[in-house]
Each structure stands twice: as C-alpha cells, then as structure tokens.
N, C-alpha and C. Protein backbone atom coordinates (compact mmCIF):
# COMPACT_ATOMS: atom_id res chain seq x y z
N MET A 1 148.08 84.98 136.32
CA MET A 1 147.49 85.71 135.27
C MET A 1 146.03 85.97 135.55
N GLN A 2 145.60 87.18 135.41
CA GLN A 2 144.15 87.49 135.62
C GLN A 2 143.53 87.74 134.25
N PHE A 3 142.35 87.19 134.04
CA PHE A 3 141.57 87.45 132.85
C PHE A 3 140.57 88.54 133.10
N SER A 4 140.31 89.38 132.15
CA SER A 4 139.18 90.27 132.12
C SER A 4 138.28 89.85 130.96
N ILE A 5 137.10 89.39 131.24
CA ILE A 5 136.16 88.93 130.25
C ILE A 5 135.08 89.99 130.14
N ILE A 6 134.90 90.49 128.91
CA ILE A 6 133.91 91.54 128.66
C ILE A 6 132.68 90.93 127.96
N THR A 7 131.53 91.23 128.45
CA THR A 7 130.28 90.81 127.78
C THR A 7 129.40 92.01 127.55
N PRO A 8 129.21 92.33 126.24
CA PRO A 8 128.25 93.41 125.96
C PRO A 8 126.84 92.82 126.05
N SER A 9 125.90 93.62 126.52
CA SER A 9 124.58 93.10 126.78
C SER A 9 123.49 94.14 126.46
N PHE A 10 122.44 93.67 125.87
CA PHE A 10 121.20 94.47 125.72
C PHE A 10 120.06 93.52 125.49
N ARG A 11 119.14 93.57 126.40
CA ARG A 11 117.94 92.73 126.33
C ARG A 11 118.25 91.24 126.15
N ALA A 12 119.18 90.74 126.96
CA ALA A 12 119.61 89.34 126.82
C ALA A 12 119.65 88.66 128.17
N SER A 13 118.74 89.03 129.02
CA SER A 13 118.73 88.51 130.39
C SER A 13 118.82 86.97 130.47
N GLU A 14 118.03 86.25 129.71
CA GLU A 14 118.03 84.83 129.84
C GLU A 14 119.36 84.22 129.30
N TRP A 15 119.92 84.81 128.26
CA TRP A 15 121.21 84.33 127.77
C TRP A 15 122.33 84.57 128.79
N LEU A 16 122.28 85.75 129.44
CA LEU A 16 123.29 86.09 130.45
C LEU A 16 123.32 85.04 131.57
N LYS A 17 122.13 84.52 131.90
CA LYS A 17 122.05 83.51 132.94
C LYS A 17 122.76 82.21 132.61
N LEU A 18 123.11 82.01 131.33
CA LEU A 18 123.88 80.84 130.89
C LEU A 18 125.35 81.25 130.73
N CYS A 19 125.57 82.46 130.20
CA CYS A 19 126.92 82.91 129.91
C CYS A 19 127.73 83.10 131.18
N ILE A 20 127.15 83.77 132.21
CA ILE A 20 127.88 84.10 133.41
C ILE A 20 128.45 82.87 134.12
N PRO A 21 127.69 81.79 134.33
CA PRO A 21 128.26 80.62 135.01
C PRO A 21 129.40 79.96 134.16
N SER A 22 129.30 80.05 132.84
CA SER A 22 130.33 79.46 132.02
C SER A 22 131.69 80.17 132.18
N VAL A 23 131.63 81.45 132.50
CA VAL A 23 132.85 82.22 132.79
C VAL A 23 133.31 81.98 134.18
N ALA A 24 132.38 81.96 135.13
CA ALA A 24 132.71 81.83 136.58
C ALA A 24 133.26 80.47 136.89
N ASP A 25 132.91 79.44 136.13
CA ASP A 25 133.34 78.10 136.42
C ASP A 25 134.64 77.67 135.74
N GLN A 26 135.42 78.61 135.22
CA GLN A 26 136.62 78.29 134.48
C GLN A 26 137.82 77.90 135.31
N GLY A 27 137.84 78.23 136.60
CA GLY A 27 138.96 77.83 137.47
C GLY A 27 140.18 78.69 137.26
N VAL A 28 140.00 79.91 136.82
CA VAL A 28 141.11 80.86 136.67
C VAL A 28 140.76 82.15 137.39
N GLU A 29 141.75 82.97 137.71
CA GLU A 29 141.51 84.26 138.30
C GLU A 29 140.92 85.17 137.20
N SER A 30 139.74 85.74 137.45
CA SER A 30 139.14 86.56 136.43
C SER A 30 138.18 87.61 137.03
N GLU A 31 137.97 88.61 136.20
CA GLU A 31 136.88 89.53 136.46
C GLU A 31 136.00 89.46 135.21
N HIS A 32 134.69 89.41 135.44
CA HIS A 32 133.73 89.35 134.32
C HIS A 32 132.94 90.69 134.32
N ILE A 33 133.19 91.48 133.29
CA ILE A 33 132.57 92.76 133.18
C ILE A 33 131.40 92.64 132.21
N VAL A 34 130.22 92.88 132.70
CA VAL A 34 129.03 92.91 131.85
C VAL A 34 128.65 94.38 131.62
N GLN A 35 128.74 94.76 130.37
CA GLN A 35 128.50 96.16 129.97
C GLN A 35 127.12 96.18 129.31
N ASP A 36 126.11 96.61 130.08
CA ASP A 36 124.73 96.54 129.61
C ASP A 36 124.23 97.89 129.20
N SER A 37 123.47 97.96 128.13
CA SER A 37 122.93 99.21 127.58
C SER A 37 121.56 99.54 128.12
N VAL A 38 121.41 99.42 129.49
CA VAL A 38 120.21 99.78 130.17
C VAL A 38 119.01 98.96 129.68
N SER A 39 119.16 97.66 129.75
CA SER A 39 118.13 96.73 129.29
C SER A 39 116.83 96.91 130.03
N ASP A 40 115.71 96.72 129.34
CA ASP A 40 114.42 96.77 129.94
C ASP A 40 113.70 95.42 130.01
N ASP A 41 114.53 94.38 130.07
CA ASP A 41 114.01 93.00 130.07
C ASP A 41 114.12 92.28 131.41
N GLY A 42 114.41 93.03 132.45
CA GLY A 42 114.62 92.44 133.75
C GLY A 42 116.09 92.29 134.18
N THR A 43 117.01 92.49 133.28
CA THR A 43 118.44 92.35 133.56
C THR A 43 118.86 93.25 134.73
N MET A 44 118.36 94.46 134.74
CA MET A 44 118.74 95.41 135.78
C MET A 44 118.18 95.02 137.14
N ASP A 45 117.21 94.10 137.19
CA ASP A 45 116.67 93.66 138.46
C ASP A 45 117.54 92.66 139.21
N TRP A 46 118.27 91.81 138.45
CA TRP A 46 119.05 90.75 139.07
C TRP A 46 120.58 90.88 138.91
N LEU A 47 121.02 91.42 137.81
CA LEU A 47 122.44 91.44 137.51
C LEU A 47 123.27 92.18 138.53
N PRO A 48 122.85 93.34 139.06
CA PRO A 48 123.68 94.01 140.07
C PRO A 48 123.96 93.20 141.30
N GLN A 49 123.12 92.22 141.61
CA GLN A 49 123.27 91.40 142.78
C GLN A 49 124.17 90.15 142.53
N ASP A 50 124.50 89.89 141.28
CA ASP A 50 125.29 88.71 140.97
C ASP A 50 126.77 89.00 141.25
N ALA A 51 127.29 88.41 142.32
CA ALA A 51 128.66 88.68 142.75
C ALA A 51 129.71 88.19 141.79
N ARG A 52 129.35 87.37 140.78
CA ARG A 52 130.31 86.85 139.85
C ARG A 52 130.69 87.84 138.78
N VAL A 53 129.96 88.98 138.70
CA VAL A 53 130.21 89.97 137.64
C VAL A 53 130.35 91.35 138.20
N LYS A 54 130.98 92.20 137.39
CA LYS A 54 130.97 93.67 137.65
C LYS A 54 130.03 94.15 136.56
N ALA A 55 128.86 94.64 137.01
CA ALA A 55 127.83 95.10 136.07
C ALA A 55 127.84 96.63 135.91
N TYR A 56 127.81 97.03 134.66
CA TYR A 56 127.78 98.48 134.35
C TYR A 56 126.58 98.69 133.40
N PHE A 57 125.81 99.69 133.78
CA PHE A 57 124.60 100.01 132.94
C PHE A 57 124.79 101.40 132.38
N GLU A 58 125.02 101.49 131.08
CA GLU A 58 125.25 102.77 130.40
C GLU A 58 124.71 102.61 128.98
N LYS A 59 124.02 103.59 128.50
CA LYS A 59 123.58 103.61 127.08
C LYS A 59 124.86 103.60 126.24
N ASP A 60 124.87 102.83 125.18
CA ASP A 60 126.00 102.77 124.29
C ASP A 60 125.54 102.93 122.86
N ARG A 61 126.50 102.88 121.92
CA ARG A 61 126.17 102.99 120.52
C ARG A 61 126.28 101.63 119.82
N GLY A 62 126.00 100.59 120.51
CA GLY A 62 126.04 99.28 119.91
C GLY A 62 127.04 98.36 120.60
N MET A 63 127.10 97.11 120.12
CA MET A 63 127.90 96.07 120.68
C MET A 63 129.38 96.49 120.81
N TYR A 64 129.96 97.00 119.77
CA TYR A 64 131.43 97.25 119.84
C TYR A 64 131.77 98.45 120.72
N ASP A 65 130.84 99.42 120.84
CA ASP A 65 131.03 100.50 121.79
C ASP A 65 131.00 99.92 123.20
N ALA A 66 130.07 99.00 123.44
CA ALA A 66 129.98 98.35 124.77
C ALA A 66 131.24 97.57 125.05
N VAL A 67 131.75 96.81 124.10
CA VAL A 67 132.98 96.06 124.29
C VAL A 67 134.15 97.02 124.68
N ASN A 68 134.26 98.09 123.87
CA ASN A 68 135.32 99.08 124.13
C ASN A 68 135.18 99.73 125.55
N ARG A 69 133.95 100.00 125.93
CA ARG A 69 133.72 100.56 127.30
C ARG A 69 134.21 99.53 128.35
N GLY A 70 133.84 98.30 128.15
CA GLY A 70 134.24 97.26 129.08
C GLY A 70 135.78 97.11 129.09
N MET A 71 136.41 97.17 127.95
CA MET A 71 137.86 96.96 127.91
C MET A 71 138.59 98.11 128.61
N ARG A 72 138.03 99.33 128.58
CA ARG A 72 138.63 100.44 129.26
C ARG A 72 138.56 100.22 130.78
N LYS A 73 137.61 99.44 131.27
CA LYS A 73 137.49 99.18 132.68
C LYS A 73 138.30 97.97 133.11
N ALA A 74 138.75 97.15 132.17
CA ALA A 74 139.41 95.90 132.45
C ALA A 74 140.76 96.09 133.13
N ARG A 75 141.05 95.17 134.08
CA ARG A 75 142.28 95.23 134.81
C ARG A 75 143.17 93.99 134.63
N GLY A 76 142.71 93.03 133.88
CA GLY A 76 143.41 91.75 133.69
C GLY A 76 144.60 91.86 132.71
N GLU A 77 145.44 90.85 132.83
CA GLU A 77 146.57 90.71 131.91
C GLU A 77 146.09 90.18 130.56
N ILE A 78 145.05 89.34 130.59
CA ILE A 78 144.48 88.74 129.34
C ILE A 78 143.07 89.28 129.24
N ILE A 79 142.75 89.84 128.08
CA ILE A 79 141.44 90.39 127.86
C ILE A 79 140.72 89.64 126.72
N ALA A 80 139.47 89.32 126.95
CA ALA A 80 138.66 88.63 125.95
C ALA A 80 137.23 89.18 126.06
N TYR A 81 136.46 88.95 125.00
CA TYR A 81 135.03 89.23 125.12
C TYR A 81 134.26 88.05 124.64
N ILE A 82 133.14 87.86 125.31
CA ILE A 82 132.21 86.83 125.01
C ILE A 82 130.80 87.40 124.95
N ASN A 83 130.07 87.14 123.91
CA ASN A 83 128.72 87.69 123.78
C ASN A 83 127.76 86.98 124.76
N CYS A 84 126.66 87.59 125.04
CA CYS A 84 125.66 87.09 125.98
C CYS A 84 125.15 85.71 125.63
N ASP A 85 125.05 85.46 124.35
CA ASP A 85 124.48 84.18 123.91
C ASP A 85 125.57 83.13 123.65
N GLU A 86 126.76 83.34 124.22
CA GLU A 86 127.83 82.41 124.10
C GLU A 86 128.27 81.88 125.45
N GLN A 87 128.94 80.69 125.44
CA GLN A 87 129.42 80.14 126.66
C GLN A 87 130.81 79.54 126.41
N TYR A 88 131.63 79.55 127.50
CA TYR A 88 132.90 78.86 127.40
C TYR A 88 132.67 77.40 127.75
N LEU A 89 133.37 76.50 127.06
CA LEU A 89 133.41 75.13 127.47
C LEU A 89 134.25 74.98 128.72
N PRO A 90 134.00 73.97 129.55
CA PRO A 90 134.79 73.81 130.74
C PRO A 90 136.30 73.69 130.40
N GLY A 91 137.13 74.43 131.14
CA GLY A 91 138.55 74.36 130.95
C GLY A 91 139.10 75.26 129.87
N ALA A 92 138.25 75.99 129.15
CA ALA A 92 138.73 76.82 127.99
C ALA A 92 139.74 77.83 128.43
N LEU A 93 139.43 78.60 129.46
CA LEU A 93 140.32 79.68 129.93
C LEU A 93 141.53 79.12 130.58
N LYS A 94 141.46 77.99 131.24
CA LYS A 94 142.63 77.36 131.84
C LYS A 94 143.60 76.95 130.71
N ALA A 95 143.07 76.48 129.57
CA ALA A 95 143.96 76.11 128.47
C ALA A 95 144.63 77.37 127.91
N VAL A 96 143.92 78.46 127.83
CA VAL A 96 144.51 79.71 127.36
C VAL A 96 145.61 80.18 128.36
N GLU A 97 145.31 80.12 129.65
CA GLU A 97 146.28 80.51 130.64
C GLU A 97 147.56 79.68 130.53
N GLU A 98 147.40 78.35 130.37
CA GLU A 98 148.60 77.52 130.24
C GLU A 98 149.35 77.78 128.96
N PHE A 99 148.63 78.04 127.88
CA PHE A 99 149.28 78.32 126.63
C PHE A 99 150.12 79.60 126.71
N PHE A 100 149.55 80.66 127.28
CA PHE A 100 150.34 81.93 127.44
C PHE A 100 151.50 81.69 128.34
N ALA A 101 151.38 80.89 129.39
CA ALA A 101 152.52 80.70 130.30
C ALA A 101 153.64 79.99 129.55
N ARG A 102 153.35 79.07 128.67
CA ARG A 102 154.37 78.36 127.85
C ARG A 102 154.87 79.19 126.72
N ASN A 103 154.14 80.20 126.25
CA ASN A 103 154.49 80.97 125.08
C ASN A 103 154.36 82.47 125.35
N PRO A 104 155.22 83.02 126.19
CA PRO A 104 155.07 84.42 126.57
C PRO A 104 155.24 85.41 125.44
N GLU A 105 155.83 84.98 124.34
CA GLU A 105 156.03 85.91 123.21
C GLU A 105 154.74 86.10 122.38
N VAL A 106 153.76 85.25 122.55
CA VAL A 106 152.49 85.32 121.84
C VAL A 106 151.64 86.36 122.48
N GLU A 107 150.99 87.22 121.67
CA GLU A 107 150.17 88.30 122.18
C GLU A 107 148.68 88.07 121.96
N LEU A 108 148.31 87.18 121.03
CA LEU A 108 146.88 87.03 120.66
C LEU A 108 146.67 85.59 120.25
N VAL A 109 145.56 84.98 120.76
CA VAL A 109 145.24 83.66 120.36
C VAL A 109 143.78 83.60 119.84
N PHE A 110 143.52 82.68 119.01
CA PHE A 110 142.21 82.41 118.49
C PHE A 110 141.88 80.89 118.62
N ALA A 111 140.62 80.59 118.72
CA ALA A 111 140.26 79.18 118.90
C ALA A 111 138.99 78.86 118.08
N ASP A 112 138.78 77.58 117.79
CA ASP A 112 137.61 77.11 117.15
C ASP A 112 136.39 77.27 118.02
N ALA A 113 135.20 77.10 117.49
CA ALA A 113 133.98 77.25 118.30
C ALA A 113 132.97 76.18 117.91
N LEU A 114 132.22 75.75 118.90
CA LEU A 114 131.06 74.88 118.69
C LEU A 114 129.85 75.81 118.74
N VAL A 115 128.90 75.60 117.80
CA VAL A 115 127.68 76.35 117.78
C VAL A 115 126.54 75.39 118.11
N VAL A 116 125.76 75.76 119.11
CA VAL A 116 124.66 74.90 119.53
C VAL A 116 123.35 75.67 119.35
N ASN A 117 122.28 74.94 119.28
CA ASN A 117 120.94 75.52 119.17
C ASN A 117 120.49 75.92 120.58
N GLU A 118 119.37 76.63 120.69
CA GLU A 118 118.84 77.09 121.89
C GLU A 118 118.55 75.97 122.93
N ASP A 119 118.24 74.80 122.38
CA ASP A 119 117.99 73.67 123.29
C ASP A 119 119.25 72.93 123.69
N GLY A 120 120.41 73.41 123.21
CA GLY A 120 121.72 72.79 123.58
C GLY A 120 122.21 71.76 122.59
N SER A 121 121.42 71.46 121.58
CA SER A 121 121.83 70.47 120.58
C SER A 121 122.86 71.05 119.62
N PHE A 122 123.72 70.21 119.11
CA PHE A 122 124.81 70.60 118.19
C PHE A 122 124.24 71.24 116.92
N ASN A 123 124.78 72.36 116.50
CA ASN A 123 124.44 72.99 115.26
C ASN A 123 125.55 72.83 114.27
N CYS A 124 126.77 73.35 114.59
CA CYS A 124 127.88 73.28 113.64
C CYS A 124 129.19 73.57 114.42
N PHE A 125 130.25 73.36 113.68
CA PHE A 125 131.63 73.62 114.18
C PHE A 125 132.19 74.74 113.31
N ARG A 126 132.73 75.74 113.98
CA ARG A 126 133.36 76.86 113.26
C ARG A 126 134.84 76.82 113.44
N LYS A 127 135.55 76.66 112.35
CA LYS A 127 137.02 76.65 112.40
C LYS A 127 137.46 78.08 112.40
N VAL A 128 138.49 78.37 113.21
CA VAL A 128 139.01 79.73 113.34
C VAL A 128 139.67 80.18 112.01
N HIS A 129 139.45 81.45 111.72
CA HIS A 129 140.15 82.08 110.61
C HIS A 129 141.04 83.19 111.15
N ILE A 130 142.31 83.06 110.97
CA ILE A 130 143.24 84.04 111.51
C ILE A 130 143.16 85.29 110.62
N PRO A 131 142.92 86.46 111.27
CA PRO A 131 142.90 87.72 110.47
C PRO A 131 144.29 88.08 109.98
N TRP A 132 144.35 88.97 109.03
CA TRP A 132 145.62 89.48 108.54
C TRP A 132 146.31 90.21 109.64
N GLU A 133 147.60 90.14 109.69
CA GLU A 133 148.36 90.82 110.75
C GLU A 133 148.15 92.34 110.71
N SER A 134 147.95 92.86 109.54
CA SER A 134 147.73 94.32 109.47
C SER A 134 146.41 94.71 110.14
N VAL A 135 145.48 93.75 110.22
CA VAL A 135 144.20 94.00 110.89
C VAL A 135 144.34 93.99 112.39
N THR A 136 145.13 93.05 112.89
CA THR A 136 145.26 92.88 114.32
C THR A 136 146.40 93.77 114.89
N ARG A 137 147.34 94.15 114.07
CA ARG A 137 148.47 95.04 114.48
C ARG A 137 149.20 94.43 115.68
N VAL A 138 149.50 93.17 115.62
CA VAL A 138 150.34 92.52 116.66
C VAL A 138 151.44 91.74 115.94
N ALA A 139 152.49 91.50 116.74
CA ALA A 139 153.64 90.86 116.16
C ALA A 139 153.50 89.36 115.97
N SER A 140 152.82 88.69 116.89
CA SER A 140 152.78 87.25 116.80
C SER A 140 151.38 86.71 117.09
N LEU A 141 150.94 85.81 116.22
CA LEU A 141 149.58 85.25 116.30
C LEU A 141 149.71 83.73 116.44
N CYS A 142 148.74 83.12 117.11
CA CYS A 142 148.84 81.68 117.25
C CYS A 142 147.39 81.17 117.45
N THR A 143 147.17 79.86 117.21
CA THR A 143 145.88 79.25 117.47
C THR A 143 146.01 78.17 118.52
N LEU A 144 144.97 77.94 119.28
CA LEU A 144 144.96 76.86 120.27
C LEU A 144 144.38 75.63 119.60
C-alpha cells in the first residue's frame, strides 16, 4: 500500500522542517506532497532540494484549495493530509496500513490527536469525532 500525504503550506518554513521528517520516518511506502502557495519566508530556498517531498509552488485560494490541488496529484492508495504545524507520532502510518490490510471493507479512518505546545510540551488530547455519514459520503467508517 502506498500513502500519499498532502501538506498545504504558506509561510510555514520552520514548521515544515518538523512535519517532513515525521512523515518520512513512518516506515511505509509513501509520497509526501507539499503544496505551497509561493511562500516568501525562505521555504522556496530549501524545499525543492528536500528529496523526501514532492514540492509544488502555486498560488492557491487557501488551505483547502491547496489540499485539493495536492490530492489531484496524489498517486497512493491511501490519501491523507497533515498540516505544516502537525507531526505524525512514530508508527502512526504503519498502524493505519496494518488496519486497512485487516479491514479491506473500510474506506475511511479517523484517529485521536495529541496537541503539544511550540516547545514540545503537552497541551491537550483531542478525541476523534466521527462526522455524519452524509458528510463523508462513504459506506463504512471506523476509528483506530
């Protein structure tokens, strides 16, 4: 299974430097698409040289437009998006991969999240809220 991870970006160079390794170190086959809205904060100086990502620089109409642009470029069987200021915990995508392998009828999964402060200290725990099926328009939902 290949993952396509989409990261919308605008003026988030320092956050990207934390996000990208958290995706790259997951131990799963993946492509990490960073869809940047032509940032003027130095992102365009280093991101194109980072072999762990496919970087695209295009003006967009906001975060969700950037996510949609990235999803149209995605080639993976499993698609997710992670914001610049977010990181995956070690093994997160491996757990998703194993879950889908055991449950091929499931089309969409959600998971809880830890929120940390800029210095890495614990802020809070966010329990997942499953959206209504009519919102997601899929047949089967599950949580990890």
